Amino acid sequence: MESSRMKCSKCGSDNYIIQRERVRNKEKKGCLYFLVMNVLFGMIYWTYLLMKWMILFTVWLFILLPKRLIKKEPIKMPEFSVNTIAVCQDCGYSWKVR
């Protein structure tokens, strides 16, 4: 009767290490983003960007920056998820552990 220990599915060895792995969650972009980027291509796109950033920078400089300095809002860190993986010490194969 076999033991209930895990074994490497590649080489069959039970010499492995279990590790924790941090993986950054990717932000998904919708189809509207790609549609807008294609429509605003060329001179119209660059003119739009220049005007938008000039207006946003002016608003940020005179309205949002003083509010942020007064409120001292915390800066959001990117979200991470943690996976548990096992790495075989004989062949180097890795797999997820539940």
N, C-alpha and C. Protein backbone atom coordinates (compact mmCIF):
# COMPACT_ATOMS: atom_id res chain seq x y z
N MET A 1 0.84 -1.18 0.00
CA MET A 1 0.00 0.00 0.00
C MET A 1 0.89 1.25 0.00
N GLU A 2 0.61 2.19 -0.91
CA GLU A 2 1.42 3.39 -1.03
C GLU A 2 1.09 4.39 0.06
N SER A 3 2.08 5.23 0.39
CA SER A 3 1.85 6.28 1.38
C SER A 3 1.04 7.40 0.73
N SER A 4 0.45 8.26 1.56
CA SER A 4 -0.40 9.34 1.06
C SER A 4 0.39 10.61 0.79
N ARG A 5 1.73 10.53 0.77
CA ARG A 5 2.55 11.71 0.50
C ARG A 5 2.47 12.07 -0.98
N MET A 6 2.67 13.36 -1.25
CA MET A 6 2.69 13.80 -2.64
C MET A 6 3.97 13.33 -3.31
N LYS A 7 3.89 13.16 -4.62
CA LYS A 7 5.05 12.80 -5.41
C LYS A 7 5.08 13.68 -6.63
N CYS A 8 6.29 13.89 -7.15
CA CYS A 8 6.46 14.66 -8.38
C CYS A 8 5.83 13.89 -9.53
N SER A 9 4.98 14.58 -10.28
CA SER A 9 4.31 13.89 -11.39
C SER A 9 5.24 13.69 -12.58
N LYS A 10 6.40 14.36 -12.59
CA LYS A 10 7.33 14.21 -13.71
C LYS A 10 8.31 13.07 -13.48
N CYS A 11 8.94 13.02 -12.27
CA CYS A 11 9.95 11.99 -12.04
C CYS A 11 9.55 10.97 -10.97
N GLY A 12 8.47 11.23 -10.21
CA GLY A 12 8.00 10.29 -9.20
C GLY A 12 8.69 10.41 -7.86
N SER A 13 9.57 11.37 -7.69
CA SER A 13 10.31 11.55 -6.44
C SER A 13 9.43 12.21 -5.38
N ASP A 14 9.69 11.90 -4.10
CA ASP A 14 8.97 12.59 -3.02
C ASP A 14 9.90 13.57 -2.29
N ASN A 15 10.98 13.98 -2.93
CA ASN A 15 11.91 14.96 -2.40
C ASN A 15 11.53 16.32 -2.98
N TYR A 16 10.73 17.09 -2.24
CA TYR A 16 10.24 18.38 -2.74
C TYR A 16 10.18 19.39 -1.60
N ILE A 17 10.06 20.67 -1.97
CA ILE A 17 9.91 21.77 -1.01
C ILE A 17 8.63 22.51 -1.37
N ILE A 18 7.86 22.90 -0.34
CA ILE A 18 6.65 23.68 -0.54
C ILE A 18 6.98 25.15 -0.26
N GLN A 19 6.60 26.03 -1.22
CA GLN A 19 6.90 27.45 -1.10
C GLN A 19 5.64 28.27 -1.31
N ARG A 20 5.68 29.54 -0.85
CA ARG A 20 4.61 30.50 -1.10
C ARG A 20 5.08 31.45 -2.18
N GLU A 21 4.21 31.74 -3.15
CA GLU A 21 4.58 32.56 -4.29
C GLU A 21 3.58 33.71 -4.40
N ARG A 22 4.10 34.96 -4.48
CA ARG A 22 3.24 36.13 -4.65
C ARG A 22 3.09 36.42 -6.13
N VAL A 23 1.84 36.54 -6.59
CA VAL A 23 1.56 36.81 -7.99
C VAL A 23 0.73 38.08 -8.07
N ARG A 24 1.18 39.04 -8.90
CA ARG A 24 0.44 40.29 -9.05
C ARG A 24 -0.77 40.07 -9.95
N ASN A 25 -1.93 40.53 -9.49
CA ASN A 25 -3.15 40.40 -10.27
C ASN A 25 -3.11 41.39 -11.43
N LYS A 26 -3.40 40.94 -12.63
CA LYS A 26 -3.37 41.80 -13.80
C LYS A 26 -4.69 42.55 -13.92
N GLU A 27 -4.56 43.80 -14.29
CA GLU A 27 -5.76 44.60 -14.52
C GLU A 27 -6.24 44.35 -15.94
N LYS A 28 -7.53 44.12 -16.08
CA LYS A 28 -8.09 43.82 -17.40
C LYS A 28 -8.55 45.12 -18.05
N LYS A 29 -8.32 45.23 -19.35
CA LYS A 29 -8.79 46.37 -20.12
C LYS A 29 -9.92 45.90 -21.01
N GLY A 30 -10.97 46.69 -21.08
CA GLY A 30 -12.13 46.31 -21.86
C GLY A 30 -11.98 46.64 -23.33
N CYS A 31 -12.96 46.24 -24.10
CA CYS A 31 -12.92 46.48 -25.55
C CYS A 31 -13.10 47.95 -25.87
N LEU A 32 -13.76 48.71 -24.98
CA LEU A 32 -13.94 50.14 -25.20
C LEU A 32 -12.59 50.86 -25.22
N TYR A 33 -11.67 50.43 -24.38
CA TYR A 33 -10.33 51.02 -24.35
C TYR A 33 -9.65 50.89 -25.72
N PHE A 34 -9.69 49.70 -26.30
CA PHE A 34 -9.03 49.47 -27.59
C PHE A 34 -9.76 50.19 -28.72
N LEU A 35 -11.09 50.29 -28.64
CA LEU A 35 -11.85 51.01 -29.65
C LEU A 35 -11.50 52.49 -29.64
N VAL A 36 -11.44 53.09 -28.46
CA VAL A 36 -11.10 54.51 -28.33
C VAL A 36 -9.69 54.77 -28.82
N MET A 37 -8.75 53.87 -28.47
CA MET A 37 -7.37 54.06 -28.91
C MET A 37 -7.25 54.01 -30.43
N ASN A 38 -8.02 53.17 -31.09
CA ASN A 38 -7.96 53.08 -32.55
C ASN A 38 -8.61 54.28 -33.23
N VAL A 39 -9.69 54.80 -32.66
CA VAL A 39 -10.40 55.93 -33.25
C VAL A 39 -9.57 57.21 -33.14
N LEU A 40 -8.90 57.39 -32.03
CA LEU A 40 -8.18 58.63 -31.78
C LEU A 40 -6.73 58.59 -32.25
N PHE A 41 -6.43 57.77 -33.22
CA PHE A 41 -5.06 57.62 -33.72
C PHE A 41 -4.68 58.81 -34.61
N GLY A 42 -3.40 59.13 -34.65
CA GLY A 42 -2.92 60.17 -35.56
C GLY A 42 -2.91 61.54 -34.92
N MET A 43 -3.07 62.56 -35.74
CA MET A 43 -3.00 63.94 -35.27
C MET A 43 -4.14 64.28 -34.30
N ILE A 44 -5.33 63.74 -34.57
CA ILE A 44 -6.46 64.01 -33.67
C ILE A 44 -6.15 63.43 -32.30
N TYR A 45 -5.57 62.25 -32.26
CA TYR A 45 -5.25 61.60 -30.99
C TYR A 45 -4.22 62.40 -30.20
N TRP A 46 -3.13 62.82 -30.87
CA TRP A 46 -2.09 63.56 -30.15
C TRP A 46 -2.58 64.93 -29.69
N THR A 47 -3.41 65.60 -30.48
CA THR A 47 -3.99 66.88 -30.07
C THR A 47 -4.88 66.68 -28.85
N TYR A 48 -5.68 65.64 -28.89
CA TYR A 48 -6.56 65.31 -27.77
C TYR A 48 -5.73 65.07 -26.49
N LEU A 49 -4.66 64.30 -26.61
CA LEU A 49 -3.83 64.02 -25.44
C LEU A 49 -3.20 65.28 -24.87
N LEU A 50 -2.68 66.12 -25.72
CA LEU A 50 -2.05 67.35 -25.27
C LEU A 50 -3.04 68.23 -24.51
N MET A 51 -4.22 68.42 -25.08
CA MET A 51 -5.23 69.26 -24.42
C MET A 51 -5.72 68.63 -23.12
N LYS A 52 -5.94 67.32 -23.14
CA LYS A 52 -6.42 66.63 -21.94
C LYS A 52 -5.42 66.75 -20.80
N TRP A 53 -4.15 66.50 -21.07
CA TRP A 53 -3.16 66.54 -20.01
C TRP A 53 -2.91 67.95 -19.51
N MET A 54 -3.04 68.93 -20.39
CA MET A 54 -2.91 70.32 -19.93
C MET A 54 -4.03 70.66 -18.97
N ILE A 55 -5.25 70.26 -19.30
CA ILE A 55 -6.40 70.55 -18.43
C ILE A 55 -6.30 69.75 -17.14
N LEU A 56 -5.99 68.46 -17.23
CA LEU A 56 -5.90 67.64 -16.02
C LEU A 56 -4.78 68.10 -15.10
N PHE A 57 -3.64 68.49 -15.67
CA PHE A 57 -2.54 68.96 -14.83
C PHE A 57 -2.93 70.25 -14.12
N THR A 58 -3.62 71.14 -14.82
CA THR A 58 -4.06 72.39 -14.20
C THR A 58 -5.05 72.11 -13.07
N VAL A 59 -6.01 71.22 -13.30
CA VAL A 59 -6.97 70.87 -12.25
C VAL A 59 -6.26 70.22 -11.08
N TRP A 60 -5.35 69.30 -11.37
CA TRP A 60 -4.62 68.61 -10.30
C TRP A 60 -3.77 69.57 -9.49
N LEU A 61 -3.11 70.50 -10.18
CA LEU A 61 -2.21 71.42 -9.51
C LEU A 61 -2.95 72.37 -8.57
N PHE A 62 -4.10 72.88 -9.00
CA PHE A 62 -4.78 73.91 -8.23
C PHE A 62 -5.92 73.40 -7.36
N ILE A 63 -6.47 72.23 -7.64
CA ILE A 63 -7.62 71.74 -6.87
C ILE A 63 -7.30 70.46 -6.11
N LEU A 64 -6.85 69.42 -6.81
CA LEU A 64 -6.70 68.11 -6.18
C LEU A 64 -5.45 68.01 -5.31
N LEU A 65 -4.36 68.64 -5.71
CA LEU A 65 -3.13 68.55 -4.92
C LEU A 65 -3.29 69.17 -3.53
N PRO A 66 -3.85 70.38 -3.41
CA PRO A 66 -4.05 70.92 -2.05
C PRO A 66 -4.99 70.06 -1.20
N LYS A 67 -6.05 69.50 -1.81
CA LYS A 67 -6.96 68.62 -1.06
C LYS A 67 -6.23 67.38 -0.58
N ARG A 68 -5.39 66.81 -1.42
CA ARG A 68 -4.67 65.60 -1.05
C ARG A 68 -3.65 65.89 0.05
N LEU A 69 -3.01 67.03 -0.02
CA LEU A 69 -2.05 67.39 1.02
C LEU A 69 -2.73 67.63 2.35
N ILE A 70 -3.93 68.17 2.33
CA ILE A 70 -4.67 68.41 3.56
C ILE A 70 -5.20 67.10 4.14
N LYS A 71 -5.81 66.24 3.29
CA LYS A 71 -6.40 64.98 3.77
C LYS A 71 -5.35 63.90 4.03
N LYS A 72 -4.21 63.98 3.37
CA LYS A 72 -3.16 62.97 3.46
C LYS A 72 -3.69 61.57 3.16
N GLU A 73 -4.27 61.43 1.97
CA GLU A 73 -4.82 60.14 1.55
C GLU A 73 -3.71 59.11 1.38
N PRO A 74 -3.93 57.88 1.81
CA PRO A 74 -2.90 56.84 1.62
C PRO A 74 -2.80 56.44 0.16
N ILE A 75 -1.61 56.08 -0.25
CA ILE A 75 -1.37 55.62 -1.61
C ILE A 75 -1.74 54.14 -1.69
N LYS A 76 -2.54 53.77 -2.69
CA LYS A 76 -2.98 52.38 -2.83
C LYS A 76 -1.85 51.53 -3.40
N MET A 77 -1.62 50.39 -2.79
CA MET A 77 -0.62 49.44 -3.25
C MET A 77 -1.30 48.45 -4.20
N PRO A 78 -0.57 47.90 -5.17
CA PRO A 78 -1.17 46.91 -6.07
C PRO A 78 -1.56 45.64 -5.30
N GLU A 79 -2.62 45.00 -5.78
CA GLU A 79 -3.10 43.80 -5.11
C GLU A 79 -2.29 42.58 -5.56
N PHE A 80 -2.02 41.70 -4.60
CA PHE A 80 -1.29 40.48 -4.87
C PHE A 80 -2.10 39.29 -4.39
N SER A 81 -1.94 38.17 -5.04
CA SER A 81 -2.51 36.93 -4.55
C SER A 81 -1.34 36.00 -4.23
N VAL A 82 -1.56 35.09 -3.29
CA VAL A 82 -0.50 34.20 -2.85
C VAL A 82 -0.85 32.77 -3.26
N ASN A 83 0.06 32.13 -3.97
CA ASN A 83 -0.11 30.73 -4.38
C ASN A 83 0.89 29.87 -3.62
N THR A 84 0.49 28.64 -3.32
CA THR A 84 1.40 27.68 -2.70
C THR A 84 1.85 26.71 -3.77
N ILE A 85 3.17 26.61 -3.95
CA ILE A 85 3.70 25.71 -4.97
C ILE A 85 4.69 24.75 -4.33
N ALA A 86 4.85 23.60 -4.95
CA ALA A 86 5.84 22.62 -4.52
C ALA A 86 6.87 22.51 -5.64
N VAL A 87 8.15 22.44 -5.26
CA VAL A 87 9.24 22.34 -6.23
C VAL A 87 10.00 21.05 -5.95
N CYS A 88 10.10 20.20 -6.96
CA CYS A 88 10.85 18.95 -6.83
C CYS A 88 12.34 19.27 -6.77
N GLN A 89 13.04 18.68 -5.80
CA GLN A 89 14.46 18.94 -5.64
C GLN A 89 15.32 18.10 -6.58
N ASP A 90 14.72 17.08 -7.20
CA ASP A 90 15.49 16.22 -8.10
C ASP A 90 15.46 16.73 -9.55
N CYS A 91 14.27 17.07 -10.05
CA CYS A 91 14.17 17.47 -11.46
C CYS A 91 13.83 18.94 -11.66
N GLY A 92 13.42 19.66 -10.61
CA GLY A 92 13.10 21.08 -10.73
C GLY A 92 11.69 21.38 -11.17
N TYR A 93 10.86 20.38 -11.36
CA TYR A 93 9.47 20.58 -11.77
C TYR A 93 8.68 21.22 -10.64
N SER A 94 7.78 22.16 -10.95
CA SER A 94 6.97 22.80 -9.91
C SER A 94 5.49 22.65 -10.25
N TRP A 95 4.66 22.55 -9.21
CA TRP A 95 3.22 22.41 -9.35
C TRP A 95 2.53 23.09 -8.19
N LYS A 96 1.25 23.47 -8.45
CA LYS A 96 0.47 24.15 -7.41
C LYS A 96 -0.04 23.14 -6.39
N VAL A 97 -0.03 23.57 -5.12
CA VAL A 97 -0.54 22.74 -4.03
C VAL A 97 -1.83 23.36 -3.56
N ARG A 98 -2.83 22.56 -3.33
CA ARG A 98 -4.13 23.09 -2.89
C ARG A 98 -4.16 23.43 -1.44
